[in-house]
N, C-alpha and C. Protein backbone atom coordinates (compact mmCIF):
# COMPACT_ATOMS: atom_id res chain seq x y z
N MET A 1 1.85 -12.59 -4.52
CA MET A 1 0.89 -13.26 -5.38
C MET A 1 -0.30 -12.35 -5.60
N THR A 2 -0.71 -12.23 -6.82
CA THR A 2 -1.86 -11.40 -7.17
C THR A 2 -3.09 -12.29 -7.34
N LYS A 3 -4.23 -11.64 -7.50
CA LYS A 3 -5.48 -12.38 -7.71
C LYS A 3 -5.40 -13.21 -8.99
N SER A 4 -4.82 -12.67 -10.04
CA SER A 4 -4.71 -13.42 -11.29
C SER A 4 -3.77 -14.61 -11.13
N ASN A 5 -2.71 -14.48 -10.31
CA ASN A 5 -1.85 -15.64 -10.02
C ASN A 5 -2.62 -16.72 -9.29
N LEU A 6 -3.47 -16.30 -8.35
CA LEU A 6 -4.28 -17.25 -7.60
C LEU A 6 -5.26 -17.98 -8.52
N VAL A 7 -5.86 -17.25 -9.44
CA VAL A 7 -6.77 -17.85 -10.42
C VAL A 7 -6.00 -18.85 -11.29
N ALA A 8 -4.80 -18.49 -11.72
CA ALA A 8 -3.98 -19.38 -12.55
C ALA A 8 -3.63 -20.66 -11.80
N LYS A 9 -3.29 -20.55 -10.51
CA LYS A 9 -2.98 -21.74 -9.70
C LYS A 9 -4.21 -22.63 -9.55
N LEU A 10 -5.37 -22.02 -9.40
CA LEU A 10 -6.62 -22.78 -9.27
C LEU A 10 -6.90 -23.54 -10.56
N ILE A 11 -6.68 -22.90 -11.70
CA ILE A 11 -6.88 -23.56 -12.99
C ILE A 11 -5.87 -24.69 -13.17
N GLU A 12 -4.65 -24.45 -12.75
CA GLU A 12 -3.60 -25.47 -12.87
C GLU A 12 -3.93 -26.70 -12.04
N ALA A 13 -4.49 -26.49 -10.85
CA ALA A 13 -4.85 -27.61 -9.97
C ALA A 13 -6.15 -28.29 -10.42
N ASN A 14 -6.99 -27.57 -11.15
CA ASN A 14 -8.28 -28.09 -11.61
C ASN A 14 -8.45 -27.77 -13.09
N PRO A 15 -7.86 -28.57 -13.98
CA PRO A 15 -7.88 -28.24 -15.40
C PRO A 15 -9.29 -28.21 -16.02
N ASP A 16 -10.28 -28.80 -15.35
CA ASP A 16 -11.64 -28.79 -15.89
C ASP A 16 -12.33 -27.43 -15.69
N LEU A 17 -11.74 -26.53 -14.89
CA LEU A 17 -12.31 -25.20 -14.69
C LEU A 17 -11.87 -24.25 -15.80
N SER A 18 -12.79 -23.41 -16.22
CA SER A 18 -12.42 -22.36 -17.17
C SER A 18 -11.87 -21.18 -16.38
N ARG A 19 -11.20 -20.28 -17.05
CA ARG A 19 -10.65 -19.09 -16.38
C ARG A 19 -11.78 -18.27 -15.76
N ARG A 20 -12.87 -18.17 -16.47
CA ARG A 20 -14.02 -17.40 -15.97
C ARG A 20 -14.59 -18.01 -14.70
N GLU A 21 -14.71 -19.35 -14.65
CA GLU A 21 -15.22 -20.02 -13.45
C GLU A 21 -14.26 -19.85 -12.28
N ALA A 22 -12.97 -20.00 -12.54
CA ALA A 22 -11.97 -19.86 -11.47
C ALA A 22 -11.97 -18.42 -10.94
N ASP A 23 -12.08 -17.44 -11.82
CA ASP A 23 -12.13 -16.05 -11.40
C ASP A 23 -13.38 -15.79 -10.55
N LEU A 24 -14.50 -16.39 -10.94
CA LEU A 24 -15.74 -16.24 -10.18
C LEU A 24 -15.59 -16.84 -8.78
N ILE A 25 -14.94 -18.00 -8.68
CA ILE A 25 -14.72 -18.65 -7.38
C ILE A 25 -13.89 -17.75 -6.47
N VAL A 26 -12.77 -17.27 -6.97
CA VAL A 26 -11.88 -16.42 -6.17
C VAL A 26 -12.59 -15.12 -5.79
N SER A 27 -13.28 -14.50 -6.71
CA SER A 27 -14.00 -13.26 -6.43
C SER A 27 -15.10 -13.47 -5.40
N THR A 28 -15.79 -14.60 -5.48
CA THR A 28 -16.85 -14.91 -4.53
C THR A 28 -16.29 -15.09 -3.13
N ILE A 29 -15.18 -15.80 -3.01
CA ILE A 29 -14.56 -16.01 -1.70
C ILE A 29 -14.15 -14.68 -1.09
N PHE A 30 -13.45 -13.86 -1.86
CA PHE A 30 -13.04 -12.55 -1.34
C PHE A 30 -14.25 -11.68 -1.01
N GLY A 31 -15.26 -11.72 -1.85
CA GLY A 31 -16.47 -10.94 -1.61
C GLY A 31 -17.18 -11.34 -0.33
N GLU A 32 -17.24 -12.63 -0.06
CA GLU A 32 -17.89 -13.11 1.16
C GLU A 32 -17.08 -12.74 2.40
N ILE A 33 -15.77 -12.79 2.31
CA ILE A 33 -14.93 -12.38 3.45
C ILE A 33 -15.16 -10.89 3.73
N ILE A 34 -15.18 -10.07 2.69
CA ILE A 34 -15.40 -8.64 2.85
C ILE A 34 -16.79 -8.37 3.43
N ALA A 35 -17.81 -9.06 2.94
CA ALA A 35 -19.18 -8.86 3.44
C ALA A 35 -19.28 -9.23 4.92
N ALA A 36 -18.62 -10.33 5.31
CA ALA A 36 -18.65 -10.74 6.70
C ALA A 36 -17.96 -9.72 7.59
N LEU A 37 -16.83 -9.18 7.14
CA LEU A 37 -16.12 -8.17 7.92
C LEU A 37 -16.95 -6.89 8.05
N ARG A 38 -17.66 -6.52 7.00
CA ARG A 38 -18.53 -5.33 7.06
C ARG A 38 -19.64 -5.51 8.08
N ARG A 39 -20.15 -6.75 8.22
CA ARG A 39 -21.19 -7.04 9.20
C ARG A 39 -20.63 -7.12 10.61
N GLY A 40 -19.31 -7.15 10.72
CA GLY A 40 -18.69 -7.26 12.04
C GLY A 40 -18.42 -8.69 12.46
N ASP A 41 -18.61 -9.64 11.54
CA ASP A 41 -18.36 -11.05 11.83
C ASP A 41 -16.86 -11.35 11.76
N ARG A 42 -16.48 -12.42 12.39
CA ARG A 42 -15.11 -12.92 12.34
C ARG A 42 -15.07 -14.04 11.31
N VAL A 43 -14.03 -14.07 10.49
CA VAL A 43 -13.88 -15.11 9.47
C VAL A 43 -12.68 -15.96 9.86
N GLU A 44 -12.93 -17.25 10.08
CA GLU A 44 -11.85 -18.16 10.47
C GLU A 44 -11.65 -19.21 9.39
N LEU A 45 -10.42 -19.30 8.89
CA LEU A 45 -10.05 -20.32 7.92
C LEU A 45 -9.08 -21.25 8.64
N ARG A 46 -9.56 -22.40 9.07
CA ARG A 46 -8.75 -23.33 9.86
C ARG A 46 -7.46 -23.66 9.15
N GLY A 47 -6.37 -23.62 9.91
CA GLY A 47 -5.07 -23.92 9.35
C GLY A 47 -4.43 -22.75 8.63
N PHE A 48 -5.15 -21.64 8.47
CA PHE A 48 -4.62 -20.47 7.79
C PHE A 48 -4.60 -19.26 8.73
N GLY A 49 -5.75 -18.89 9.26
CA GLY A 49 -5.82 -17.76 10.18
C GLY A 49 -7.22 -17.20 10.26
N SER A 50 -7.34 -16.08 10.94
CA SER A 50 -8.65 -15.46 11.09
C SER A 50 -8.58 -13.98 10.76
N PHE A 51 -9.68 -13.48 10.22
CA PHE A 51 -9.84 -12.08 9.88
C PHE A 51 -10.92 -11.51 10.78
N ARG A 52 -10.73 -10.25 11.19
CA ARG A 52 -11.79 -9.56 11.91
C ARG A 52 -11.68 -8.08 11.60
N ALA A 53 -12.76 -7.37 11.84
CA ALA A 53 -12.77 -5.93 11.59
C ALA A 53 -12.52 -5.23 12.92
N LYS A 54 -11.49 -4.41 12.96
CA LYS A 54 -11.19 -3.62 14.15
C LYS A 54 -11.83 -2.25 13.99
N HIS A 55 -12.49 -1.82 15.03
CA HIS A 55 -13.15 -0.52 15.01
C HIS A 55 -12.19 0.52 15.56
N ARG A 56 -11.97 1.57 14.79
CA ARG A 56 -11.15 2.70 15.23
C ARG A 56 -12.07 3.87 15.51
N ARG A 57 -12.00 4.38 16.72
CA ARG A 57 -12.84 5.51 17.09
C ARG A 57 -12.41 6.78 16.36
N ALA A 58 -13.33 7.72 16.28
CA ALA A 58 -13.01 9.03 15.72
C ALA A 58 -12.03 9.72 16.66
N ARG A 59 -11.14 10.52 16.09
CA ARG A 59 -10.13 11.19 16.92
C ARG A 59 -9.70 12.49 16.25
N ASN A 60 -8.99 13.27 17.01
CA ASN A 60 -8.40 14.49 16.46
C ASN A 60 -6.99 14.15 16.03
N GLY A 61 -6.65 14.53 14.81
CA GLY A 61 -5.32 14.26 14.28
C GLY A 61 -4.63 15.55 13.91
N ARG A 62 -3.47 15.40 13.30
CA ARG A 62 -2.68 16.56 12.92
C ARG A 62 -2.09 16.32 11.54
N ASN A 63 -2.17 17.30 10.67
CA ASN A 63 -1.55 17.22 9.36
C ASN A 63 -0.04 17.39 9.58
N PRO A 64 0.76 16.36 9.23
CA PRO A 64 2.19 16.46 9.50
C PRO A 64 2.90 17.54 8.68
N ARG A 65 2.36 17.88 7.54
CA ARG A 65 3.01 18.89 6.70
C ARG A 65 2.78 20.31 7.23
N THR A 66 1.51 20.59 7.59
CA THR A 66 1.19 21.96 8.01
C THR A 66 1.05 22.10 9.52
N GLY A 67 0.84 21.00 10.21
CA GLY A 67 0.63 21.06 11.66
C GLY A 67 -0.79 21.41 12.04
N ALA A 68 -1.66 21.57 11.06
CA ALA A 68 -3.06 21.94 11.32
C ALA A 68 -3.80 20.76 11.94
N SER A 69 -4.69 21.07 12.87
CA SER A 69 -5.50 20.05 13.52
C SER A 69 -6.66 19.67 12.59
N LEU A 70 -7.00 18.38 12.58
CA LEU A 70 -8.12 17.93 11.77
C LEU A 70 -8.81 16.77 12.45
N SER A 71 -10.04 16.52 12.05
CA SER A 71 -10.85 15.46 12.62
C SER A 71 -10.73 14.21 11.75
N VAL A 72 -10.37 13.09 12.38
CA VAL A 72 -10.27 11.82 11.67
C VAL A 72 -11.52 11.01 12.02
N PRO A 73 -12.34 10.64 11.02
CA PRO A 73 -13.59 9.92 11.32
C PRO A 73 -13.34 8.49 11.77
N GLU A 74 -14.35 7.91 12.40
CA GLU A 74 -14.23 6.51 12.81
C GLU A 74 -14.23 5.62 11.58
N LYS A 75 -13.62 4.44 11.70
CA LYS A 75 -13.56 3.53 10.56
C LYS A 75 -13.31 2.11 11.02
N LEU A 76 -13.58 1.17 10.12
CA LEU A 76 -13.29 -0.24 10.35
C LEU A 76 -12.05 -0.60 9.57
N LEU A 77 -11.13 -1.31 10.21
CA LEU A 77 -9.90 -1.75 9.56
C LEU A 77 -9.82 -3.26 9.63
N PRO A 78 -9.39 -3.92 8.55
CA PRO A 78 -9.25 -5.37 8.60
C PRO A 78 -8.01 -5.75 9.40
N ALA A 79 -8.13 -6.85 10.14
CA ALA A 79 -6.99 -7.37 10.90
C ALA A 79 -6.90 -8.87 10.64
N PHE A 80 -5.69 -9.37 10.47
CA PHE A 80 -5.47 -10.78 10.20
C PHE A 80 -4.56 -11.35 11.28
N ARG A 81 -4.92 -12.51 11.78
CA ARG A 81 -4.09 -13.21 12.74
C ARG A 81 -3.83 -14.60 12.19
N PRO A 82 -2.58 -14.94 11.90
CA PRO A 82 -2.28 -16.26 11.35
C PRO A 82 -2.49 -17.36 12.39
N SER A 83 -2.83 -18.55 11.91
CA SER A 83 -3.00 -19.68 12.82
C SER A 83 -1.63 -20.18 13.25
N ARG A 84 -1.61 -20.97 14.30
CA ARG A 84 -0.34 -21.54 14.77
C ARG A 84 0.28 -22.44 13.72
N SER A 85 -0.56 -23.22 13.04
CA SER A 85 0.00 -24.13 12.03
C SER A 85 0.60 -23.36 10.85
N LEU A 86 0.01 -22.23 10.47
CA LEU A 86 0.60 -21.42 9.40
C LEU A 86 1.93 -20.85 9.87
N GLY A 87 1.97 -20.36 11.09
CA GLY A 87 3.22 -19.85 11.64
C GLY A 87 4.30 -20.91 11.69
N ALA A 88 3.90 -22.13 12.05
CA ALA A 88 4.88 -23.23 12.11
C ALA A 88 5.39 -23.58 10.72
N ARG A 89 4.50 -23.55 9.72
CA ARG A 89 4.92 -23.85 8.36
C ARG A 89 5.85 -22.79 7.78
N LEU A 90 5.68 -21.56 8.26
CA LEU A 90 6.55 -20.47 7.80
C LEU A 90 7.82 -20.35 8.63
N GLY A 91 7.86 -21.09 9.73
CA GLY A 91 9.04 -21.09 10.56
C GLY A 91 9.11 -19.94 11.56
N THR A 92 7.93 -19.35 11.86
CA THR A 92 7.91 -18.27 12.84
C THR A 92 7.33 -18.78 14.14
N PRO A 93 7.95 -18.48 15.27
CA PRO A 93 7.39 -18.93 16.56
C PRO A 93 6.11 -18.18 16.89
N THR A 94 5.17 -18.89 17.49
CA THR A 94 3.89 -18.28 17.86
C THR A 94 3.69 -18.32 19.34
């Protein structure tokens, strides 16, 4: 599912919304999740799952093509953990 599919489903469920309003809603939700992760906050959507930012330390890596050593900078990576109820709805044991 793409962002435009999500906007279309939102419009379908709420016919009084315009495409522009639905797009703004979806963009705002994603933007707030991203902003919270950048701050280091955890985002929990009950019944769906939780997002958090994992910190990866700087390390020495290797270029697989040339074998040359290189420095990999530290970074934040998003991590998602599904809720038990989402796992149950998908049929996966938790």
